[in-house]
Amino acid sequence: MPIFEYKCNKCGHVTEFLEKSRSAGKHICERCKSSDLQKQLSSFAAGHSSSSTSQSNGSCPTGTCPLS
């Protein structure tokens, strides 16, 4: 199941919920208990490789890597 982020329209708190992608369930803000939440667009987060070519400073080892 994917994780979706919701922002409370009342207090601005952002909460993550684990839900089915076509779920019609109502969520409640954990801070102010409002049900007036709006689903946020969020980017996909890729994990870091533990290979020997990755560097901690973020530079490309070959010099030809695409910009991210």
N, C-alpha and C. Protein backbone atom coordinates (compact mmCIF):
# COMPACT_ATOMS: atom_id res chain seq x y z
N MET A 1 0.84 -1.19 0.00
CA MET A 1 0.00 0.00 0.00
C MET A 1 0.88 1.25 0.00
N PRO A 2 0.51 2.23 -0.80
CA PRO A 2 1.29 3.47 -0.85
C PRO A 2 1.00 4.38 0.33
N ILE A 3 1.93 5.29 0.56
CA ILE A 3 1.79 6.30 1.61
C ILE A 3 1.39 7.61 0.94
N PHE A 4 0.35 8.23 1.45
CA PHE A 4 -0.11 9.51 0.91
C PHE A 4 0.03 10.58 1.98
N GLU A 5 0.37 11.79 1.55
CA GLU A 5 0.48 12.93 2.46
C GLU A 5 -0.78 13.77 2.35
N TYR A 6 -1.28 14.21 3.49
CA TYR A 6 -2.43 15.09 3.55
C TYR A 6 -2.07 16.31 4.36
N LYS A 7 -2.55 17.48 3.91
CA LYS A 7 -2.34 18.72 4.65
C LYS A 7 -3.68 19.18 5.20
N CYS A 8 -3.68 19.52 6.48
CA CYS A 8 -4.90 20.00 7.13
C CYS A 8 -5.16 21.43 6.68
N ASN A 9 -6.36 21.68 6.19
CA ASN A 9 -6.74 23.03 5.76
C ASN A 9 -7.02 23.96 6.93
N LYS A 10 -7.16 23.41 8.13
CA LYS A 10 -7.45 24.22 9.31
C LYS A 10 -6.16 24.69 10.00
N CYS A 11 -5.23 23.75 10.27
CA CYS A 11 -4.02 24.12 11.02
C CYS A 11 -2.73 24.01 10.21
N GLY A 12 -2.78 23.42 9.00
CA GLY A 12 -1.60 23.33 8.15
C GLY A 12 -0.71 22.14 8.42
N HIS A 13 -1.04 21.30 9.38
CA HIS A 13 -0.23 20.13 9.72
C HIS A 13 -0.28 19.12 8.58
N VAL A 14 0.88 18.54 8.23
CA VAL A 14 0.97 17.52 7.18
C VAL A 14 1.14 16.16 7.84
N THR A 15 0.31 15.20 7.43
CA THR A 15 0.32 13.86 7.99
C THR A 15 0.39 12.85 6.87
N GLU A 16 1.09 11.75 7.09
CA GLU A 16 1.16 10.66 6.13
C GLU A 16 0.21 9.56 6.56
N PHE A 17 -0.49 8.98 5.56
CA PHE A 17 -1.40 7.87 5.83
C PHE A 17 -1.09 6.75 4.86
N LEU A 18 -1.07 5.53 5.35
CA LEU A 18 -0.91 4.34 4.54
C LEU A 18 -2.31 3.93 4.10
N GLU A 19 -2.55 3.89 2.78
CA GLU A 19 -3.89 3.58 2.31
C GLU A 19 -3.87 2.96 0.93
N LYS A 20 -4.94 2.30 0.59
CA LYS A 20 -5.11 1.78 -0.76
C LYS A 20 -5.29 2.98 -1.68
N SER A 21 -4.77 2.89 -2.89
CA SER A 21 -4.77 4.05 -3.79
C SER A 21 -6.18 4.51 -4.19
N ARG A 22 -7.17 3.66 -4.18
CA ARG A 22 -8.54 4.06 -4.53
C ARG A 22 -9.45 4.12 -3.31
N SER A 23 -8.84 4.25 -2.15
CA SER A 23 -9.59 4.29 -0.90
C SER A 23 -10.38 5.58 -0.78
N ALA A 24 -11.59 5.47 -0.27
CA ALA A 24 -12.44 6.64 -0.06
C ALA A 24 -12.56 6.95 1.43
N GLY A 25 -11.65 6.40 2.23
CA GLY A 25 -11.71 6.58 3.68
C GLY A 25 -11.41 8.01 4.09
N LYS A 26 -12.05 8.45 5.14
CA LYS A 26 -11.82 9.79 5.69
C LYS A 26 -10.69 9.74 6.69
N HIS A 27 -9.83 10.74 6.65
CA HIS A 27 -8.74 10.85 7.61
C HIS A 27 -8.98 12.06 8.49
N ILE A 28 -8.36 12.05 9.66
CA ILE A 28 -8.50 13.14 10.62
C ILE A 28 -7.12 13.65 10.99
N CYS A 29 -6.98 14.96 11.07
CA CYS A 29 -5.72 15.58 11.46
C CYS A 29 -5.37 15.15 12.88
N GLU A 30 -4.14 14.68 13.05
CA GLU A 30 -3.74 14.23 14.38
C GLU A 30 -3.46 15.38 15.33
N ARG A 31 -3.30 16.59 14.81
CA ARG A 31 -3.03 17.75 15.67
C ARG A 31 -4.32 18.43 16.14
N CYS A 32 -5.21 18.79 15.20
CA CYS A 32 -6.40 19.56 15.60
C CYS A 32 -7.71 18.77 15.47
N LYS A 33 -7.62 17.54 15.00
CA LYS A 33 -8.77 16.64 14.86
C LYS A 33 -9.76 17.06 13.78
N SER A 34 -9.36 17.95 12.88
CA SER A 34 -10.22 18.35 11.77
C SER A 34 -10.24 17.26 10.70
N SER A 35 -11.35 17.14 10.00
CA SER A 35 -11.43 16.19 8.88
C SER A 35 -11.29 16.91 7.54
N ASP A 36 -10.96 18.20 7.56
CA ASP A 36 -10.79 19.01 6.35
C ASP A 36 -9.33 18.90 5.87
N LEU A 37 -9.01 17.76 5.23
CA LEU A 37 -7.66 17.49 4.76
C LEU A 37 -7.61 17.48 3.24
N GLN A 38 -6.48 17.86 2.70
CA GLN A 38 -6.29 17.88 1.26
C GLN A 38 -5.08 17.03 0.90
N LYS A 39 -5.27 16.08 -0.03
CA LYS A 39 -4.17 15.21 -0.45
C LYS A 39 -3.13 16.04 -1.18
N GLN A 40 -1.86 15.81 -0.84
CA GLN A 40 -0.75 16.56 -1.41
C GLN A 40 -0.06 15.76 -2.51
N LEU A 41 0.47 16.46 -3.49
CA LEU A 41 1.31 15.83 -4.49
C LEU A 41 2.69 15.70 -3.89
N SER A 42 3.27 14.53 -3.97
CA SER A 42 4.61 14.36 -3.42
C SER A 42 5.46 13.62 -4.43
N SER A 43 6.74 13.90 -4.40
CA SER A 43 7.65 13.28 -5.36
C SER A 43 8.03 11.89 -4.90
N PHE A 44 8.43 11.08 -5.84
CA PHE A 44 8.89 9.73 -5.56
C PHE A 44 10.28 9.79 -4.97
N ALA A 45 10.50 9.07 -3.90
CA ALA A 45 11.81 9.05 -3.26
C ALA A 45 12.50 7.73 -3.57
N ALA A 46 13.64 7.80 -4.21
CA ALA A 46 14.41 6.60 -4.54
C ALA A 46 15.46 6.37 -3.47
N GLY A 47 15.72 5.13 -3.17
CA GLY A 47 16.75 4.79 -2.19
C GLY A 47 18.14 5.00 -2.76
N HIS A 48 19.09 5.14 -1.88
CA HIS A 48 20.47 5.32 -2.30
C HIS A 48 21.12 3.96 -2.50
N SER A 49 21.97 3.89 -3.50
CA SER A 49 22.70 2.68 -3.78
C SER A 49 23.88 2.56 -2.83
N SER A 50 24.19 1.36 -2.45
CA SER A 50 25.35 1.16 -1.58
C SER A 50 26.55 0.67 -2.38
N SER A 51 26.51 0.87 -3.71
CA SER A 51 27.61 0.41 -4.55
C SER A 51 28.85 1.27 -4.33
N SER A 52 29.97 0.79 -4.79
CA SER A 52 31.23 1.50 -4.59
C SER A 52 31.36 2.73 -5.46
N THR A 53 30.47 2.91 -6.46
CA THR A 53 30.55 4.08 -7.33
C THR A 53 29.85 5.29 -6.75
N SER A 54 29.00 5.10 -5.75
CA SER A 54 28.33 6.25 -5.17
C SER A 54 29.26 6.96 -4.21
N GLN A 55 29.14 8.28 -4.17
CA GLN A 55 30.01 9.07 -3.31
C GLN A 55 29.16 9.90 -2.37
N SER A 56 29.64 10.13 -1.19
CA SER A 56 28.87 10.85 -0.18
C SER A 56 28.71 12.33 -0.50
N ASN A 57 29.58 12.90 -1.34
CA ASN A 57 29.47 14.32 -1.65
C ASN A 57 28.51 14.60 -2.80
N GLY A 58 27.93 13.55 -3.40
CA GLY A 58 26.92 13.73 -4.43
C GLY A 58 27.48 13.95 -5.82
N SER A 59 28.78 13.96 -6.00
CA SER A 59 29.33 14.16 -7.34
C SER A 59 29.26 12.87 -8.14
N CYS A 60 29.26 13.01 -9.44
CA CYS A 60 29.19 11.86 -10.33
C CYS A 60 30.59 11.32 -10.56
N PRO A 61 30.83 10.01 -10.34
CA PRO A 61 32.16 9.48 -10.47
C PRO A 61 32.70 9.50 -11.90
N THR A 62 31.82 9.44 -12.91
CA THR A 62 32.29 9.42 -14.29
C THR A 62 32.29 10.79 -14.93
N GLY A 63 31.60 11.74 -14.33
CA GLY A 63 31.52 13.09 -14.89
C GLY A 63 30.49 13.24 -15.97
N THR A 64 29.75 12.16 -16.30
CA THR A 64 28.75 12.23 -17.37
C THR A 64 27.34 11.93 -16.87
N CYS A 65 27.14 11.97 -15.58
CA CYS A 65 25.83 11.67 -15.01
C CYS A 65 24.85 12.80 -15.30
N PRO A 66 23.56 12.46 -15.54
CA PRO A 66 22.56 13.51 -15.78
C PRO A 66 22.29 14.31 -14.52
N LEU A 67 21.89 15.52 -14.71
CA LEU A 67 21.53 16.38 -13.57
C LEU A 67 20.23 15.89 -12.99
N SER A 68 20.09 15.98 -11.68
CA SER A 68 18.85 15.54 -11.05
C SER A 68 18.03 16.72 -10.61
